[in-house]
Amino acid sequence: MLAKHAGIDADDDLVALALERSSLAYMLENKDKFDDAIMRAVSERKCNLPLGSDSAKVREGKVGSHKAELPKALSDRMDEAWAKLVEPETGFAAYADLDRAVRERNG
């Protein structure tokens, strides 16, 4: 669905690779590929923050867990953006719905 929307001719091998590389297991094994280490180092230096904090974006892989860490106003803005941009294109009212459909499709 996403490949078609992006104009990418995705065969079964490419879809399988995309699913593998977007899996929580792959991202946890390769956290350094998904972190903000360079930006975090600059922030630590310029803002006098403690050195060496975790800059990983990959956490626990639970849908919605970000809401415990994000300010409500930002979470609300993300939900509004989803409703405006993603739902009309996909028909899914929330990420959890999309996630469930993909999991069901892929067994």
N, C-alpha and C. Protein backbone atom coordinates (compact mmCIF):
# COMPACT_ATOMS: atom_id res chain seq x y z
N MET A 1 0.83 -1.19 0.00
CA MET A 1 0.00 0.00 0.00
C MET A 1 0.88 1.25 0.00
N LEU A 2 1.85 1.32 0.89
CA LEU A 2 2.73 2.48 0.97
C LEU A 2 3.61 2.57 -0.27
N ALA A 3 4.13 1.43 -0.72
CA ALA A 3 4.98 1.44 -1.92
C ALA A 3 4.20 1.96 -3.12
N LYS A 4 2.98 1.51 -3.27
CA LYS A 4 2.15 1.97 -4.39
C LYS A 4 1.93 3.48 -4.29
N HIS A 5 1.62 3.96 -3.08
CA HIS A 5 1.39 5.39 -2.87
C HIS A 5 2.65 6.20 -3.22
N ALA A 6 3.83 5.62 -2.93
CA ALA A 6 5.09 6.31 -3.20
C ALA A 6 5.58 6.09 -4.63
N GLY A 7 4.84 5.32 -5.41
CA GLY A 7 5.24 5.07 -6.79
C GLY A 7 6.37 4.07 -6.92
N ILE A 8 6.50 3.16 -5.95
CA ILE A 8 7.56 2.16 -5.96
C ILE A 8 6.97 0.82 -6.38
N ASP A 9 7.61 0.19 -7.35
CA ASP A 9 7.19 -1.13 -7.80
C ASP A 9 7.81 -2.15 -6.85
N ALA A 10 7.05 -2.60 -5.86
CA ALA A 10 7.57 -3.48 -4.82
C ALA A 10 7.18 -4.93 -5.09
N ASP A 11 8.20 -5.77 -5.33
CA ASP A 11 7.93 -7.19 -5.48
C ASP A 11 7.94 -7.85 -4.09
N ASP A 12 7.69 -9.14 -4.04
CA ASP A 12 7.61 -9.84 -2.75
C ASP A 12 8.91 -9.75 -1.96
N ASP A 13 10.06 -9.81 -2.65
CA ASP A 13 11.35 -9.73 -1.96
C ASP A 13 11.56 -8.36 -1.31
N LEU A 14 11.19 -7.30 -2.02
CA LEU A 14 11.34 -5.96 -1.47
C LEU A 14 10.40 -5.74 -0.29
N VAL A 15 9.18 -6.23 -0.39
CA VAL A 15 8.23 -6.12 0.73
C VAL A 15 8.76 -6.89 1.94
N ALA A 16 9.29 -8.09 1.72
CA ALA A 16 9.84 -8.89 2.82
C ALA A 16 11.01 -8.16 3.48
N LEU A 17 11.87 -7.54 2.68
CA LEU A 17 13.01 -6.79 3.23
C LEU A 17 12.52 -5.59 4.04
N ALA A 18 11.53 -4.87 3.51
CA ALA A 18 10.99 -3.72 4.23
C ALA A 18 10.37 -4.14 5.56
N LEU A 19 9.65 -5.25 5.56
CA LEU A 19 9.05 -5.75 6.80
C LEU A 19 10.12 -6.15 7.80
N GLU A 20 11.16 -6.80 7.34
CA GLU A 20 12.25 -7.20 8.25
C GLU A 20 12.92 -5.97 8.85
N ARG A 21 13.28 -5.01 7.99
CA ARG A 21 14.03 -3.84 8.45
C ARG A 21 13.19 -2.88 9.29
N SER A 22 11.89 -3.00 9.22
CA SER A 22 11.03 -2.14 10.05
C SER A 22 10.52 -2.87 11.29
N SER A 23 11.00 -4.09 11.50
CA SER A 23 10.57 -4.85 12.68
C SER A 23 11.26 -4.33 13.93
N LEU A 24 10.60 -4.48 15.05
CA LEU A 24 11.19 -4.06 16.32
C LEU A 24 12.48 -4.82 16.59
N ALA A 25 12.49 -6.12 16.30
CA ALA A 25 13.69 -6.92 16.54
C ALA A 25 14.89 -6.36 15.77
N TYR A 26 14.70 -6.04 14.48
CA TYR A 26 15.79 -5.49 13.68
C TYR A 26 16.24 -4.14 14.24
N MET A 27 15.29 -3.30 14.57
CA MET A 27 15.65 -1.96 15.05
C MET A 27 16.35 -2.02 16.40
N LEU A 28 15.94 -2.93 17.28
CA LEU A 28 16.63 -3.08 18.56
C LEU A 28 18.05 -3.60 18.36
N GLU A 29 18.23 -4.51 17.41
CA GLU A 29 19.57 -5.05 17.13
C GLU A 29 20.48 -4.00 16.48
N ASN A 30 19.89 -2.99 15.87
CA ASN A 30 20.64 -1.96 15.13
C ASN A 30 20.30 -0.57 15.63
N LYS A 31 20.20 -0.41 16.95
CA LYS A 31 19.76 0.87 17.52
C LYS A 31 20.60 2.05 17.05
N ASP A 32 21.88 1.83 16.82
CA ASP A 32 22.75 2.92 16.41
C ASP A 32 22.36 3.50 15.06
N LYS A 33 21.64 2.74 14.25
CA LYS A 33 21.19 3.25 12.95
C LYS A 33 19.97 4.15 13.08
N PHE A 34 19.36 4.15 14.26
CA PHE A 34 18.12 4.89 14.46
C PHE A 34 18.23 5.90 15.60
N ASP A 35 19.44 6.29 15.95
CA ASP A 35 19.58 7.22 17.07
C ASP A 35 19.90 8.63 16.58
N ASP A 36 19.98 9.53 17.52
CA ASP A 36 20.33 10.92 17.25
C ASP A 36 21.63 11.26 17.99
N ALA A 37 22.60 10.37 17.93
CA ALA A 37 23.83 10.55 18.69
C ALA A 37 24.55 11.85 18.36
N ILE A 38 24.62 12.21 17.10
CA ILE A 38 25.32 13.45 16.72
C ILE A 38 24.60 14.66 17.28
N MET A 39 23.28 14.72 17.11
CA MET A 39 22.52 15.86 17.64
C MET A 39 22.55 15.88 19.17
N ARG A 40 22.49 14.71 19.78
CA ARG A 40 22.52 14.65 21.25
C ARG A 40 23.87 15.16 21.75
N ALA A 41 24.96 14.80 21.11
CA ALA A 41 26.29 15.27 21.52
C ALA A 41 26.38 16.79 21.42
N VAL A 42 25.85 17.36 20.35
CA VAL A 42 25.84 18.82 20.20
C VAL A 42 24.99 19.46 21.30
N SER A 43 23.83 18.89 21.56
CA SER A 43 22.95 19.42 22.61
C SER A 43 23.62 19.35 23.98
N GLU A 44 24.29 18.25 24.25
CA GLU A 44 24.98 18.11 25.54
C GLU A 44 26.03 19.20 25.69
N ARG A 45 26.80 19.43 24.64
CA ARG A 45 27.87 20.41 24.70
C ARG A 45 27.32 21.83 24.80
N LYS A 46 26.38 22.17 23.94
CA LYS A 46 25.87 23.55 23.89
C LYS A 46 24.95 23.90 25.05
N CYS A 47 24.24 22.90 25.58
CA CYS A 47 23.27 23.17 26.65
C CYS A 47 23.76 22.71 28.02
N ASN A 48 25.01 22.28 28.07
CA ASN A 48 25.60 21.82 29.33
C ASN A 48 24.77 20.71 29.97
N LEU A 49 24.38 19.75 29.15
CA LEU A 49 23.61 18.60 29.63
C LEU A 49 24.56 17.48 30.03
N PRO A 50 24.10 16.54 30.84
CA PRO A 50 24.97 15.40 31.21
C PRO A 50 25.40 14.64 29.96
N LEU A 51 26.65 14.24 29.95
CA LEU A 51 27.21 13.56 28.79
C LEU A 51 26.79 12.10 28.72
N GLY A 52 26.66 11.60 27.49
CA GLY A 52 26.47 10.19 27.25
C GLY A 52 25.08 9.63 27.46
N SER A 53 24.07 10.47 27.39
CA SER A 53 22.71 9.94 27.58
C SER A 53 22.27 9.14 26.35
N ASP A 54 21.25 8.36 26.52
CA ASP A 54 20.73 7.52 25.44
C ASP A 54 19.99 8.39 24.43
N SER A 55 20.38 8.28 23.17
CA SER A 55 19.72 9.05 22.12
C SER A 55 18.92 8.15 21.19
N ALA A 56 18.69 6.92 21.62
CA ALA A 56 17.98 5.96 20.78
C ALA A 56 16.52 6.34 20.63
N LYS A 57 16.00 6.12 19.44
CA LYS A 57 14.58 6.34 19.17
C LYS A 57 13.80 5.05 19.34
N VAL A 58 14.49 3.93 19.24
CA VAL A 58 13.84 2.63 19.36
C VAL A 58 13.74 2.31 20.84
N ARG A 59 12.52 2.06 21.29
CA ARG A 59 12.31 1.83 22.71
C ARG A 59 11.72 0.46 22.97
N GLU A 60 10.45 0.41 23.18
CA GLU A 60 9.82 -0.86 23.57
C GLU A 60 8.86 -1.42 22.54
N GLY A 61 8.53 -0.65 21.54
CA GLY A 61 7.68 -1.15 20.47
C GLY A 61 6.23 -1.33 20.86
N LYS A 62 5.74 -0.53 21.76
CA LYS A 62 4.34 -0.61 22.16
C LYS A 62 3.59 0.59 21.60
N VAL A 63 2.55 0.31 20.86
CA VAL A 63 1.75 1.38 20.27
C VAL A 63 1.16 2.24 21.37
N GLY A 64 1.37 3.54 21.25
CA GLY A 64 0.79 4.49 22.19
C GLY A 64 1.63 4.80 23.41
N SER A 65 2.73 4.09 23.62
CA SER A 65 3.53 4.32 24.83
C SER A 65 4.19 5.70 24.83
N HIS A 66 4.30 6.31 23.66
CA HIS A 66 4.88 7.65 23.58
C HIS A 66 4.06 8.67 24.38
N LYS A 67 2.77 8.39 24.55
CA LYS A 67 1.91 9.36 25.21
C LYS A 67 2.29 9.57 26.68
N ALA A 68 2.96 8.59 27.26
CA ALA A 68 3.41 8.74 28.65
C ALA A 68 4.62 9.66 28.74
N GLU A 69 5.31 9.89 27.62
CA GLU A 69 6.51 10.71 27.63
C GLU A 69 6.35 12.05 26.93
N LEU A 70 5.46 12.11 25.96
CA LEU A 70 5.27 13.36 25.23
C LEU A 70 4.29 14.27 25.95
N PRO A 71 4.52 15.56 25.86
CA PRO A 71 3.51 16.48 26.38
C PRO A 71 2.18 16.28 25.65
N LYS A 72 1.09 16.39 26.36
CA LYS A 72 -0.24 16.15 25.78
C LYS A 72 -0.48 17.02 24.55
N ALA A 73 -0.05 18.26 24.59
CA ALA A 73 -0.26 19.16 23.45
C ALA A 73 0.41 18.62 22.19
N LEU A 74 1.61 18.07 22.33
CA LEU A 74 2.31 17.51 21.17
C LEU A 74 1.62 16.23 20.70
N SER A 75 1.22 15.40 21.62
CA SER A 75 0.50 14.16 21.27
C SER A 75 -0.79 14.49 20.54
N ASP A 76 -1.50 15.51 21.02
CA ASP A 76 -2.74 15.93 20.36
C ASP A 76 -2.47 16.42 18.94
N ARG A 77 -1.37 17.15 18.74
CA ARG A 77 -1.02 17.64 17.40
C ARG A 77 -0.70 16.48 16.47
N MET A 78 -0.03 15.46 17.00
CA MET A 78 0.27 14.28 16.18
C MET A 78 -1.02 13.57 15.78
N ASP A 79 -1.96 13.45 16.72
CA ASP A 79 -3.25 12.82 16.41
C ASP A 79 -4.01 13.61 15.36
N GLU A 80 -3.96 14.94 15.47
CA GLU A 80 -4.62 15.80 14.48
C GLU A 80 -4.00 15.62 13.09
N ALA A 81 -2.67 15.54 13.05
CA ALA A 81 -1.98 15.36 11.76
C ALA A 81 -2.35 14.00 11.16
N TRP A 82 -2.44 12.98 12.00
CA TRP A 82 -2.84 11.65 11.50
C TRP A 82 -4.23 11.73 10.88
N ALA A 83 -5.16 12.36 11.61
CA ALA A 83 -6.54 12.45 11.13
C ALA A 83 -6.63 13.22 9.82
N LYS A 84 -5.79 14.21 9.66
CA LYS A 84 -5.83 15.04 8.46
C LYS A 84 -5.09 14.42 7.28
N LEU A 85 -3.95 13.79 7.54
CA LEU A 85 -3.08 13.34 6.46
C LEU A 85 -3.10 11.84 6.19
N VAL A 86 -3.15 11.05 7.23
CA VAL A 86 -3.01 9.61 7.06
C VAL A 86 -4.36 8.91 6.90
N GLU A 87 -5.29 9.23 7.78
CA GLU A 87 -6.58 8.54 7.72
C GLU A 87 -7.27 8.66 6.36
N PRO A 88 -7.31 9.85 5.74
CA PRO A 88 -7.98 9.94 4.43
C PRO A 88 -7.32 9.07 3.36
N GLU A 89 -6.01 8.87 3.47
CA GLU A 89 -5.28 8.07 2.47
C GLU A 89 -5.40 6.57 2.72
N THR A 90 -5.46 6.19 4.00
CA THR A 90 -5.40 4.77 4.34
C THR A 90 -6.72 4.19 4.83
N GLY A 91 -7.58 5.06 5.37
CA GLY A 91 -8.83 4.59 5.96
C GLY A 91 -8.68 4.14 7.40
N PHE A 92 -7.48 4.27 7.96
CA PHE A 92 -7.25 3.87 9.35
C PHE A 92 -7.29 5.11 10.25
N ALA A 93 -8.17 5.06 11.25
CA ALA A 93 -8.38 6.21 12.12
C ALA A 93 -7.24 6.40 13.12
N ALA A 94 -6.45 5.36 13.36
CA ALA A 94 -5.34 5.46 14.31
C ALA A 94 -4.25 4.49 13.89
N TYR A 95 -3.04 4.74 14.35
CA TYR A 95 -1.93 3.85 14.02
C TYR A 95 -2.20 2.43 14.50
N ALA A 96 -2.81 2.29 15.66
CA ALA A 96 -3.11 0.96 16.20
C ALA A 96 -3.96 0.16 15.22
N ASP A 97 -4.89 0.81 14.54
CA ASP A 97 -5.73 0.13 13.55
C ASP A 97 -4.90 -0.34 12.36
N LEU A 98 -4.02 0.51 11.89
CA LEU A 98 -3.13 0.16 10.78
C LEU A 98 -2.21 -0.98 11.19
N ASP A 99 -1.62 -0.88 12.36
CA ASP A 99 -0.72 -1.92 12.87
C ASP A 99 -1.43 -3.27 12.94
N ARG A 100 -2.64 -3.27 13.48
CA ARG A 100 -3.42 -4.51 13.60
C ARG A 100 -3.71 -5.12 12.23
N ALA A 101 -4.08 -4.29 11.26
CA ALA A 101 -4.38 -4.78 9.92
C ALA A 101 -3.15 -5.39 9.26
N VAL A 102 -2.00 -4.75 9.42
CA VAL A 102 -0.77 -5.28 8.83
C VAL A 102 -0.40 -6.60 9.48
N ARG A 103 -0.51 -6.69 10.81
CA ARG A 103 -0.19 -7.93 11.50
C ARG A 103 -1.12 -9.06 11.07
N GLU A 104 -2.40 -8.75 10.92
CA GLU A 104 -3.36 -9.77 10.49
C GLU A 104 -3.03 -10.24 9.07
N ARG A 105 -2.67 -9.30 8.23
CA ARG A 105 -2.35 -9.63 6.84
C ARG A 105 -1.11 -10.50 6.74
N ASN A 106 -0.14 -10.22 7.60
CA ASN A 106 1.15 -10.93 7.51
C ASN A 106 1.24 -12.14 8.44
N GLY A 107 0.13 -12.43 9.12
CA GLY A 107 0.07 -13.61 9.97
C GLY A 107 0.92 -13.46 11.16
